[in-house]
Amino acid sequence: MKKGLSDPARRFANAPTSRRRGSAPEPRSKRAVNLSVDEEVLSIAKELKINLSQAFEDTLRKLTEEERIRRYREENREATESYNAYIERNGVLGEELLDLNEPPV
């Protein structure tokens, strides 16, 4: 059966579902963990009504992202240095066509 442009749109197989702009993120499963926290810091955080779970999750997310970036850079350092040396020696494609003193259009 031949499909035409008037047929309804379908998702690609295995394509992730997209969210509409402004919609809340889909809730992820949570897991309880035990932590040891300095009593004074905990007391101040409670006094300030800081959501401990959210603060921990935000900080852990930031730290894991930083560590992933650090590891990526370390694992790919040699390739990055090699590519940078190549660009230094040979320039980039179309470089002669660029006039960096000319204002952008």
PDB file of N, CA and C in Angstrom:
ATOM      1  N   MET A   1       0.835  -1.173   0.000  1.00  0.00           N
ATOM      2  CA  MET A   1       0.000   0.000   0.000  1.00  0.00           C
ATOM      3  C   MET A   1       0.880   1.236   0.000  1.00  0.00           C
ATOM      4  N   LYS A   2       0.627   2.145  -0.906  1.00  0.00           N
ATOM      5  CA  LYS A   2       1.444   3.335  -1.053  1.00  0.00           C
ATOM      6  C   LYS A   2       0.953   4.429  -0.113  1.00  0.00           C
ATOM      7  N   LYS A   3       1.877   5.059   0.567  1.00  0.00           N
ATOM      8  CA  LYS A   3       1.544   6.139   1.502  1.00  0.00           C
ATOM      9  C   LYS A   3       1.694   7.476   0.796  1.00  0.00           C
ATOM     10  N   GLY A   4       0.832   8.400   1.131  1.00  0.00           N
ATOM     11  CA  GLY A   4       0.911   9.733   0.555  1.00  0.00           C
ATOM     12  C   GLY A   4       1.173  10.779   1.615  1.00  0.00           C
ATOM     13  N   LEU A   5       1.330  12.014   1.195  1.00  0.00           N
ATOM     14  CA  LEU A   5       1.605  13.105   2.130  1.00  0.00           C
ATOM     15  C   LEU A   5       0.430  13.399   3.043  1.00  0.00           C
ATOM     16  N   SER A   6      -0.755  12.986   2.652  1.00  0.00           N
ATOM     17  CA  SER A   6      -1.926  13.286   3.482  1.00  0.00           C
ATOM     18  C   SER A   6      -2.125  12.261   4.593  1.00  0.00           C
ATOM     19  N   ASP A   7      -1.332  11.176   4.594  1.00  0.00           N
ATOM     20  CA  ASP A   7      -1.442  10.190   5.655  1.00  0.00           C
ATOM     21  C   ASP A   7      -0.938  10.772   6.971  1.00  0.00           C
ATOM     22  N   PRO A   8      -1.498  10.331   8.099  1.00  0.00           N
ATOM     23  CA  PRO A   8      -1.063  10.882   9.392  1.00  0.00           C
ATOM     24  C   PRO A   8       0.400  10.539   9.684  1.00  0.00           C
ATOM     25  N   ALA A   9       1.065  11.442  10.400  1.00  0.00           N
ATOM     26  CA  ALA A   9       2.470  11.249  10.757  1.00  0.00           C
ATOM     27  C   ALA A   9       2.591  10.118  11.758  1.00  0.00           C
ATOM     28  N   ARG A  10       3.701   9.379  11.663  1.00  0.00           N
ATOM     29  CA  ARG A  10       3.991   8.311  12.617  1.00  0.00           C
ATOM     30  C   ARG A  10       5.401   8.495  13.138  1.00  0.00           C
ATOM     31  N   ARG A  11       5.623   8.016  14.352  1.00  0.00           N
ATOM     32  CA  ARG A  11       6.964   8.062  14.916  1.00  0.00           C
ATOM     33  C   ARG A  11       7.847   7.032  14.237  1.00  0.00           C
ATOM     34  N   PHE A  12       9.154   7.323  14.173  1.00  0.00           N
ATOM     35  CA  PHE A  12      10.101   6.338  13.705  1.00  0.00           C
ATOM     36  C   PHE A  12      10.185   5.229  14.745  1.00  0.00           C
ATOM     37  N   ALA A  13      10.481   4.036  14.312  1.00  0.00           N
ATOM     38  CA  ALA A  13      10.634   2.924  15.244  1.00  0.00           C
ATOM     39  C   ALA A  13      11.762   3.244  16.213  1.00  0.00           C
ATOM     40  N   ASN A  14      11.555   2.980  17.467  1.00  0.00           N
ATOM     41  CA  ASN A  14      12.543   3.183  18.538  1.00  0.00           C
ATOM     42  C   ASN A  14      12.913   4.643  18.766  1.00  0.00           C
ATOM     43  N   ALA A  15      12.160   5.561  18.200  1.00  0.00           N
ATOM     44  CA  ALA A  15      12.453   6.983  18.413  1.00  0.00           C
ATOM     45  C   ALA A  15      11.993   7.375  19.810  1.00  0.00           C
ATOM     46  N   PRO A  16      12.796   8.195  20.501  1.00  0.00           N
ATOM     47  CA  PRO A  16      12.374   8.632  21.838  1.00  0.00           C
ATOM     48  C   PRO A  16      11.153   9.533  21.722  1.00  0.00           C
ATOM     49  N   THR A  17      10.304   9.448  22.712  1.00  0.00           N
ATOM     50  CA  THR A  17       9.140  10.329  22.705  1.00  0.00           C
ATOM     51  C   THR A  17       9.595  11.718  23.090  1.00  0.00           C
ATOM     52  N   SER A  18       9.099  12.710  22.412  1.00  0.00           N
ATOM     53  CA  SER A  18       9.512  14.081  22.703  1.00  0.00           C
ATOM     54  C   SER A  18       8.486  14.740  23.609  1.00  0.00           C
ATOM     55  N   ARG A  19       8.976  15.687  24.389  1.00  0.00           N
ATOM     56  CA  ARG A  19       8.093  16.437  25.262  1.00  0.00           C
ATOM     57  C   ARG A  19       7.781  17.765  24.603  1.00  0.00           C
ATOM     58  N   ARG A  20       6.605  18.261  24.885  1.00  0.00           N
ATOM     59  CA  ARG A  20       6.268  19.590  24.399  1.00  0.00           C
ATOM     60  C   ARG A  20       6.997  20.613  25.238  1.00  0.00           C
ATOM     61  N   ARG A  21       7.328  21.745  24.633  1.00  0.00           N
ATOM     62  CA  ARG A  21       8.005  22.802  25.382  1.00  0.00           C
ATOM     63  C   ARG A  21       7.156  23.230  26.560  1.00  0.00           C
ATOM     64  N   GLY A  22       7.826  23.429  27.669  1.00  0.00           N
ATOM     65  CA  GLY A  22       7.138  23.920  28.844  1.00  0.00           C
ATOM     66  C   GLY A  22       6.498  22.825  29.670  1.00  0.00           C
ATOM     67  N   SER A  23       6.510  21.587  29.180  1.00  0.00           N
ATOM     68  CA  SER A  23       5.899  20.527  29.964  1.00  0.00           C
ATOM     69  C   SER A  23       6.900  20.039  31.013  1.00  0.00           C
ATOM     70  N   ALA A  24       6.384  19.508  32.077  1.00  0.00           N
ATOM     71  CA  ALA A  24       7.231  19.028  33.167  1.00  0.00           C
ATOM     72  C   ALA A  24       7.963  17.769  32.722  1.00  0.00           C
ATOM     73  N   PRO A  25       9.192  17.572  33.218  1.00  0.00           N
ATOM     74  CA  PRO A  25       9.911  16.353  32.862  1.00  0.00           C
ATOM     75  C   PRO A  25       9.205  15.132  33.424  1.00  0.00           C
ATOM     76  N   GLU A  26       9.381  14.010  32.742  1.00  0.00           N
ATOM     77  CA  GLU A  26       8.771  12.780  33.224  1.00  0.00           C
ATOM     78  C   GLU A  26       9.437  12.382  34.539  1.00  0.00           C
ATOM     79  N   PRO A  27       8.654  11.954  35.526  1.00  0.00           N
ATOM     80  CA  PRO A  27       9.253  11.588  36.817  1.00  0.00           C
ATOM     81  C   PRO A  27      10.114  10.340  36.674  1.00  0.00           C
ATOM     82  N   ARG A  28      11.244  10.351  37.331  1.00  0.00           N
ATOM     83  CA  ARG A  28      12.141   9.200  37.323  1.00  0.00           C
ATOM     84  C   ARG A  28      11.974   8.462  38.638  1.00  0.00           C
ATOM     85  N   SER A  29      12.320   7.201  38.636  1.00  0.00           N
ATOM     86  CA  SER A  29      12.205   6.442  39.869  1.00  0.00           C
ATOM     87  C   SER A  29      13.259   6.936  40.861  1.00  0.00           C
ATOM     88  N   LYS A  30      12.912   6.903  42.108  1.00  0.00           N
ATOM     89  CA  LYS A  30      13.801   7.347  43.185  1.00  0.00           C
ATOM     90  C   LYS A  30      14.197   6.140  44.015  1.00  0.00           C
ATOM     91  N   ARG A  31      15.336   6.253  44.654  1.00  0.00           N
ATOM     92  CA  ARG A  31      15.825   5.176  45.491  1.00  0.00           C
ATOM     93  C   ARG A  31      16.304   5.761  46.812  1.00  0.00           C
ATOM     94  N   ALA A  32      15.887   5.172  47.903  1.00  0.00           N
ATOM     95  CA  ALA A  32      16.306   5.635  49.217  1.00  0.00           C
ATOM     96  C   ALA A  32      17.755   5.234  49.473  1.00  0.00           C
ATOM     97  N   VAL A  33      18.526   6.159  50.067  1.00  0.00           N
ATOM     98  CA  VAL A  33      19.919   5.884  50.425  1.00  0.00           C
ATOM     99  C   VAL A  33      20.176   6.413  51.823  1.00  0.00           C
ATOM    100  N   ASN A  34      21.154   5.863  52.475  1.00  0.00           N
ATOM    101  CA  ASN A  34      21.555   6.338  53.795  1.00  0.00           C
ATOM    102  C   ASN A  34      22.795   7.199  53.649  1.00  0.00           C
ATOM    103  N   LEU A  35      22.775   8.371  54.276  1.00  0.00           N
ATOM    104  CA  LEU A  35      23.907   9.280  54.226  1.00  0.00           C
ATOM    105  C   LEU A  35      24.260   9.723  55.630  1.00  0.00           C
ATOM    106  N   SER A  36      25.510  10.044  55.826  1.00  0.00           N
ATOM    107  CA  SER A  36      25.949  10.645  57.084  1.00  0.00           C
ATOM    108  C   SER A  36      26.249  12.110  56.800  1.00  0.00           C
ATOM    109  N   VAL A  37      25.670  12.999  57.595  1.00  0.00           N
ATOM    110  CA  VAL A  37      25.814  14.436  57.365  1.00  0.00           C
ATOM    111  C   VAL A  37      26.206  15.096  58.684  1.00  0.00           C
ATOM    112  N   ASP A  38      27.078  16.074  58.594  1.00  0.00           N
ATOM    113  CA  ASP A  38      27.482  16.858  59.751  1.00  0.00           C
ATOM    114  C   ASP A  38      26.228  17.444  60.416  1.00  0.00           C
ATOM    115  N   GLU A  39      26.099  17.250  61.731  1.00  0.00           N
ATOM    116  CA  GLU A  39      24.899  17.681  62.460  1.00  0.00           C
ATOM    117  C   GLU A  39      24.620  19.170  62.314  1.00  0.00           C
ATOM    118  N   GLU A  40      25.658  19.985  62.400  1.00  0.00           N
ATOM    119  CA  GLU A  40      25.476  21.434  62.334  1.00  0.00           C
ATOM    120  C   GLU A  40      24.957  21.855  60.953  1.00  0.00           C
ATOM    121  N   VAL A  41      25.541  21.287  59.922  1.00  0.00           N
ATOM    122  CA  VAL A  41      25.108  21.610  58.562  1.00  0.00           C
ATOM    123  C   VAL A  41      23.671  21.161  58.362  1.00  0.00           C
ATOM    124  N   LEU A  42      23.330  19.977  58.852  1.00  0.00           N
ATOM    125  CA  LEU A  42      21.972  19.455  58.721  1.00  0.00           C
ATOM    126  C   LEU A  42      20.979  20.347  59.447  1.00  0.00           C
ATOM    127  N   SER A  43      21.351  20.784  60.633  1.00  0.00           N
ATOM    128  CA  SER A  43      20.480  21.655  61.416  1.00  0.00           C
ATOM    129  C   SER A  43      20.217  22.972  60.688  1.00  0.00           C
ATOM    130  N   ILE A  44      21.249  23.566  60.154  1.00  0.00           N
ATOM    131  CA  ILE A  44      21.099  24.832  59.418  1.00  0.00           C
ATOM    132  C   ILE A  44      20.251  24.622  58.171  1.00  0.00           C
ATOM    133  N   ALA A  45      20.485  23.517  57.455  1.00  0.00           N
ATOM    134  CA  ALA A  45      19.715  23.235  56.243  1.00  0.00           C
ATOM    135  C   ALA A  45      18.234  23.074  56.566  1.00  0.00           C
ATOM    136  N   LYS A  46      17.933  22.382  57.651  1.00  0.00           N
ATOM    137  CA  LYS A  46      16.528  22.212  58.057  1.00  0.00           C
ATOM    138  C   LYS A  46      15.921  23.548  58.450  1.00  0.00           C
ATOM    139  N   GLU A  47      16.690  24.350  59.170  1.00  0.00           N
ATOM    140  CA  GLU A  47      16.235  25.677  59.578  1.00  0.00           C
ATOM    141  C   GLU A  47      15.893  26.543  58.362  1.00  0.00           C
ATOM    142  N   LEU A  48      16.701  26.406  57.313  1.00  0.00           N
ATOM    143  CA  LEU A  48      16.490  27.171  56.086  1.00  0.00           C
ATOM    144  C   LEU A  48      15.494  26.500  55.140  1.00  0.00           C
ATOM    145  N   LYS A  49      14.948  25.370  55.573  1.00  0.00           N
ATOM    146  CA  LYS A  49      13.960  24.609  54.796  1.00  0.00           C
ATOM    147  C   LYS A  49      14.489  24.210  53.417  1.00  0.00           C
ATOM    148  N   ILE A  50      15.740  23.757  53.413  1.00  0.00           N
ATOM    149  CA  ILE A  50      16.352  23.267  52.178  1.00  0.00           C
ATOM    150  C   ILE A  50      15.922  21.819  51.975  1.00  0.00           C
ATOM    151  N   ASN A  51      15.461  21.518  50.776  1.00  0.00           N
ATOM    152  CA  ASN A  51      15.072  20.157  50.434  1.00  0.00           C
ATOM    153  C   ASN A  51      16.349  19.345  50.270  1.00  0.00           C
ATOM    154  N   LEU A  52      16.642  18.493  51.250  1.00  0.00           N
ATOM    155  CA  LEU A  52      17.896  17.754  51.260  1.00  0.00           C
ATOM    156  C   LEU A  52      18.016  16.803  50.076  1.00  0.00           C
ATOM    157  N   SER A  53      16.942  16.126  49.741  1.00  0.00           N
ATOM    158  CA  SER A  53      16.982  15.194  48.618  1.00  0.00           C
ATOM    159  C   SER A  53      17.300  15.924  47.322  1.00  0.00           C
ATOM    160  N   GLN A  54      16.645  17.060  47.101  1.00  0.00           N
ATOM    161  CA  GLN A  54      16.864  17.810  45.871  1.00  0.00           C
ATOM    162  C   GLN A  54      18.270  18.405  45.840  1.00  0.00           C
ATOM    163  N   ALA A  55      18.739  18.918  46.979  1.00  0.00           N
ATOM    164  CA  ALA A  55      20.080  19.494  47.047  1.00  0.00           C
ATOM    165  C   ALA A  55      21.133  18.427  46.756  1.00  0.00           C
ATOM    166  N   PHE A  56      20.955  17.247  47.349  1.00  0.00           N
ATOM    167  CA  PHE A  56      21.897  16.151  47.108  1.00  0.00           C
ATOM    168  C   PHE A  56      21.878  15.736  45.642  1.00  0.00           C
ATOM    169  N   GLU A  57      20.675  15.578  45.097  1.00  0.00           N
ATOM    170  CA  GLU A  57      20.536  15.149  43.709  1.00  0.00           C
ATOM    171  C   GLU A  57      21.153  16.167  42.740  1.00  0.00           C
ATOM    172  N   ASP A  58      20.894  17.454  42.976  1.00  0.00           N
ATOM    173  CA  ASP A  58      21.455  18.498  42.115  1.00  0.00           C
ATOM    174  C   ASP A  58      22.984  18.497  42.168  1.00  0.00           C
ATOM    175  N   THR A  59      23.524  18.384  43.375  1.00  0.00           N
ATOM    176  CA  THR A  59      24.977  18.390  43.545  1.00  0.00           C
ATOM    177  C   THR A  59      25.595  17.143  42.925  1.00  0.00           C
ATOM    178  N   LEU A  60      24.964  15.986  43.140  1.00  0.00           N
ATOM    179  CA  LEU A  60      25.476  14.744  42.570  1.00  0.00           C
ATOM    180  C   LEU A  60      25.418  14.791  41.042  1.00  0.00           C
ATOM    181  N   ARG A  61      24.362  15.359  40.491  1.00  0.00           N
ATOM    182  CA  ARG A  61      24.240  15.490  39.042  1.00  0.00           C
ATOM    183  C   ARG A  61      25.378  16.359  38.490  1.00  0.00           C
ATOM    184  N   LYS A  62      25.647  17.475  39.173  1.00  0.00           N
ATOM    185  CA  LYS A  62      26.714  18.381  38.742  1.00  0.00           C
ATOM    186  C   LYS A  62      28.080  17.696  38.834  1.00  0.00           C
ATOM    187  N   LEU A  63      28.332  17.024  39.936  1.00  0.00           N
ATOM    188  CA  LEU A  63      29.623  16.349  40.123  1.00  0.00           C
ATOM    189  C   LEU A  63      29.834  15.223  39.116  1.00  0.00           C
ATOM    190  N   THR A  64      28.801  14.445  38.847  1.00  0.00           N
ATOM    191  CA  THR A  64      28.955  13.355  37.882  1.00  0.00           C
ATOM    192  C   THR A  64      29.171  13.899  36.475  1.00  0.00           C
ATOM    193  N   GLU A  65      28.500  14.987  36.122  1.00  0.00           N
ATOM    194  CA  GLU A  65      28.708  15.601  34.804  1.00  0.00           C
ATOM    195  C   GLU A  65      30.137  16.118  34.680  1.00  0.00           C
ATOM    196  N   GLU A  66      30.633  16.785  35.711  1.00  0.00           N
ATOM    197  CA  GLU A  66      32.010  17.284  35.694  1.00  0.00           C
ATOM    198  C   GLU A  66      33.010  16.142  35.560  1.00  0.00           C
ATOM    199  N   GLU A  67      32.759  15.035  36.258  1.00  0.00           N
ATOM    200  CA  GLU A  67      33.664  13.883  36.201  1.00  0.00           C
ATOM    201  C   GLU A  67      33.617  13.232  34.821  1.00  0.00           C
ATOM    202  N   ARG A  68      32.433  13.130  34.226  1.00  0.00           N
ATOM    203  CA  ARG A  68      32.322  12.566  32.884  1.00  0.00           C
ATOM    204  C   ARG A  68      33.083  13.421  31.874  1.00  0.00           C
ATOM    205  N   ILE A  69      32.979  14.742  32.002  1.00  0.00           N
ATOM    206  CA  ILE A  69      33.707  15.648  31.108  1.00  0.00           C
ATOM    207  C   ILE A  69      35.207  15.488  31.310  1.00  0.00           C
ATOM    208  N   ARG A  70      35.658  15.427  32.566  1.00  0.00           N
ATOM    209  CA  ARG A  70      37.081  15.267  32.854  1.00  0.00           C
ATOM    210  C   ARG A  70      37.619  13.973  32.245  1.00  0.00           C
ATOM    211  N   ARG A  71      36.871  12.876  32.427  1.00  0.00           N
ATOM    212  CA  ARG A  71      37.305  11.589  31.886  1.00  0.00           C
ATOM    213  C   ARG A  71      37.317  11.603  30.359  1.00  0.00           C
ATOM    214  N   TYR A  72      36.305  12.198  29.759  1.00  0.00           N
ATOM    215  CA  TYR A  72      36.255  12.287  28.296  1.00  0.00           C
ATOM    216  C   TYR A  72      37.477  13.037  27.774  1.00  0.00           C
ATOM    217  N   ARG A  73      37.771  14.172  28.403  1.00  0.00           N
ATOM    218  CA  ARG A  73      38.923  14.969  27.956  1.00  0.00           C
ATOM    219  C   ARG A  73      40.222  14.203  28.112  1.00  0.00           C
ATOM    220  N   GLU A  74      40.358  13.481  29.220  1.00  0.00           N
ATOM    221  CA  GLU A  74      41.567  12.703  29.455  1.00  0.00           C
ATOM    222  C   GLU A  74      41.681  11.566  28.439  1.00  0.00           C
ATOM    223  N   GLU A  75      40.585  10.845  28.209  1.00  0.00           N
ATOM    224  CA  GLU A  75      40.601   9.722  27.277  1.00  0.00           C
ATOM    225  C   GLU A  75      40.856  10.184  25.842  1.00  0.00           C
ATOM    226  N   ASN A  76      40.453  11.390  25.499  1.00  0.00           N
ATOM    227  CA  ASN A  76      40.570  11.887  24.135  1.00  0.00           C
ATOM    228  C   ASN A  76      41.630  12.970  23.977  1.00  0.00           C
ATOM    229  N   ARG A  77      42.458  13.151  25.012  1.00  0.00           N
ATOM    230  CA  ARG A  77      43.483  14.196  24.994  1.00  0.00           C
ATOM    231  C   ARG A  77      44.420  14.060  23.799  1.00  0.00           C
ATOM    232  N   GLU A  78      44.893  12.857  23.555  1.00  0.00           N
ATOM    233  CA  GLU A  78      45.843  12.643  22.465  1.00  0.00           C
ATOM    234  C   GLU A  78      45.218  12.981  21.109  1.00  0.00           C
ATOM    235  N   ALA A  79      43.995  12.548  20.877  1.00  0.00           N
ATOM    236  CA  ALA A  79      43.312  12.837  19.605  1.00  0.00           C
ATOM    237  C   ALA A  79      43.055  14.332  19.460  1.00  0.00           C
ATOM    238  N   THR A  80      42.667  14.991  20.549  1.00  0.00           N
ATOM    239  CA  THR A  80      42.398  16.430  20.504  1.00  0.00           C
ATOM    240  C   THR A  80      43.672  17.201  20.192  1.00  0.00           C
ATOM    241  N   GLU A  81      44.764  16.828  20.859  1.00  0.00           N
ATOM    242  CA  GLU A  81      46.040  17.504  20.606  1.00  0.00           C
ATOM    243  C   GLU A  81      46.492  17.278  19.162  1.00  0.00           C
ATOM    244  N   SER A  82      46.310  16.069  18.661  1.00  0.00           N
ATOM    245  CA  SER A  82      46.685  15.763  17.284  1.00  0.00           C
ATOM    246  C   SER A  82      45.870  16.593  16.296  1.00  0.00           C
ATOM    247  N   TYR A  83      44.558  16.680  16.536  1.00  0.00           N
ATOM    248  CA  TYR A  83      43.693  17.465  15.653  1.00  0.00           C
ATOM    249  C   TYR A  83      44.062  18.947  15.700  1.00  0.00           C
ATOM    250  N   ASN A  84      44.311  19.460  16.893  1.00  0.00           N
ATOM    251  CA  ASN A  84      44.700  20.861  17.031  1.00  0.00           C
ATOM    252  C   ASN A  84      46.015  21.146  16.312  1.00  0.00           C
ATOM    253  N   ALA A  85      46.954  20.211  16.386  1.00  0.00           N
ATOM    254  CA  ALA A  85      48.236  20.379  15.684  1.00  0.00           C
ATOM    255  C   ALA A  85      48.004  20.373  14.173  1.00  0.00           C
ATOM    256  N   TYR A  86      47.123  19.509  13.698  1.00  0.00           N
ATOM    257  CA  TYR A  86      46.805  19.456  12.270  1.00  0.00           C
ATOM    258  C   TYR A  86      46.222  20.787  11.804  1.00  0.00           C
ATOM    259  N   ILE A  87      45.279  21.332  12.565  1.00  0.00           N
ATOM    260  CA  ILE A  87      44.658  22.613  12.213  1.00  0.00           C
ATOM    261  C   ILE A  87      45.703  23.722  12.255  1.00  0.00           C
ATOM    262  N   GLU A  88      46.598  23.667  13.221  1.00  0.00           N
ATOM    263  CA  GLU A  88      47.661  24.669  13.325  1.00  0.00           C
ATOM    264  C   GLU A  88      48.557  24.641  12.086  1.00  0.00           C
ATOM    265  N   ARG A  89      48.884  23.432  11.622  1.00  0.00           N
ATOM    266  CA  ARG A  89      49.736  23.277  10.433  1.00  0.00           C
ATOM    267  C   ARG A  89      49.003  23.621   9.141  1.00  0.00           C
ATOM    268  N   ASN A  90      47.769  23.156   8.999  1.00  0.00           N
ATOM    269  CA  ASN A  90      47.080  23.214   7.712  1.00  0.00           C
ATOM    270  C   ASN A  90      45.930  24.217   7.644  1.00  0.00           C
ATOM    271  N   GLY A  91      45.510  24.747   8.763  1.00  0.00           N
ATOM    272  CA  GLY A  91      44.365  25.651   8.767  1.00  0.00           C
ATOM    273  C   GLY A  91      43.066  24.874   8.590  1.00  0.00           C
ATOM    274  N   VAL A  92      41.979  25.604   8.427  1.00  0.00           N
ATOM    275  CA  VAL A  92      40.676  24.976   8.239  1.00  0.00           C
ATOM    276  C   VAL A  92      40.189  25.213   6.820  1.00  0.00           C
ATOM    277  N   LEU A  93      39.324  24.341   6.360  1.00  0.00           N
ATOM    278  CA  LEU A  93      38.781  24.443   5.018  1.00  0.00           C
ATOM    279  C   LEU A  93      38.048  25.771   4.843  1.00  0.00           C
ATOM    280  N   GLY A  94      38.372  26.485   3.801  1.00  0.00           N
ATOM    281  CA  GLY A  94      37.702  27.748   3.504  1.00  0.00           C
ATOM    282  C   GLY A  94      38.240  28.936   4.276  1.00  0.00           C
ATOM    283  N   GLU A  95      39.325  28.738   4.991  1.00  0.00           N
ATOM    284  CA  GLU A  95      39.893  29.808   5.816  1.00  0.00           C
ATOM    285  C   GLU A  95      40.265  31.026   4.971  1.00  0.00           C
ATOM    286  N   GLU A  96      40.721  30.779   3.742  1.00  0.00           N
ATOM    287  CA  GLU A  96      41.115  31.889   2.873  1.00  0.00           C
ATOM    288  C   GLU A  96      39.917  32.738   2.448  1.00  0.00           C
ATOM    289  N   LEU A  97      38.723  32.198   2.581  1.00  0.00           N
ATOM    290  CA  LEU A  97      37.520  32.944   2.209  1.00  0.00           C
ATOM    291  C   LEU A  97      36.987  33.814   3.348  1.00  0.00           C
ATOM    292  N   LEU A  98      37.473  33.573   4.535  1.00  0.00           N
ATOM    293  CA  LEU A  98      37.001  34.313   5.699  1.00  0.00           C
ATOM    294  C   LEU A  98      37.722  35.646   5.833  1.00  0.00           C
ATOM    295  N   ASP A  99      36.963  36.679   6.144  1.00  0.00           N
ATOM    296  CA  ASP A  99      37.544  37.975   6.472  1.00  0.00           C
ATOM    297  C   ASP A  99      37.022  38.325   7.852  1.00  0.00           C
ATOM    298  N   LEU A 100      37.818  38.018   8.861  1.00  0.00           N
ATOM    299  CA  LEU A 100      37.361  38.219  10.234  1.00  0.00           C
ATOM    300  C   LEU A 100      37.255  39.680  10.622  1.00  0.00           C
ATOM    301  N   ASN A 101      37.807  40.563   9.812  1.00  0.00           N
ATOM    302  CA  ASN A 101      37.691  41.998  10.097  1.00  0.00           C
ATOM    303  C   ASN A 101      36.385  42.571   9.573  1.00  0.00           C
ATOM    304  N   GLU A 102      35.698  41.823   8.716  1.00  0.00           N
ATOM    305  CA  GLU A 102      34.436  42.263   8.151  1.00  0.00           C
ATOM    306  C   GLU A 102      33.308  41.947   9.133  1.00  0.00           C
ATOM    307  N   PRO A 103      32.427  42.906   9.378  1.00  0.00           N
ATOM    308  CA  PRO A 103      31.338  42.635  10.340  1.00  0.00           C
ATOM    309  C   PRO A 103      30.403  41.559   9.797  1.00  0.00           C
ATOM    310  N   PRO A 104      29.779  40.778  10.704  1.00  0.00           N
ATOM    311  CA  PRO A 104      28.858  39.728  10.257  1.00  0.00           C
ATOM    312  C   PRO A 104      27.631  40.327   9.580  1.00  0.00           C
ATOM    313  N   VAL A 105      27.043  39.557   8.720  1.00  0.00           N
ATOM    314  CA  VAL A 105      25.865  39.998   7.969  1.00  0.00           C
ATOM    315  C   VAL A 105      24.644  39.947   8.837  1.00  0.00           C
TER     316      VAL A 105
END
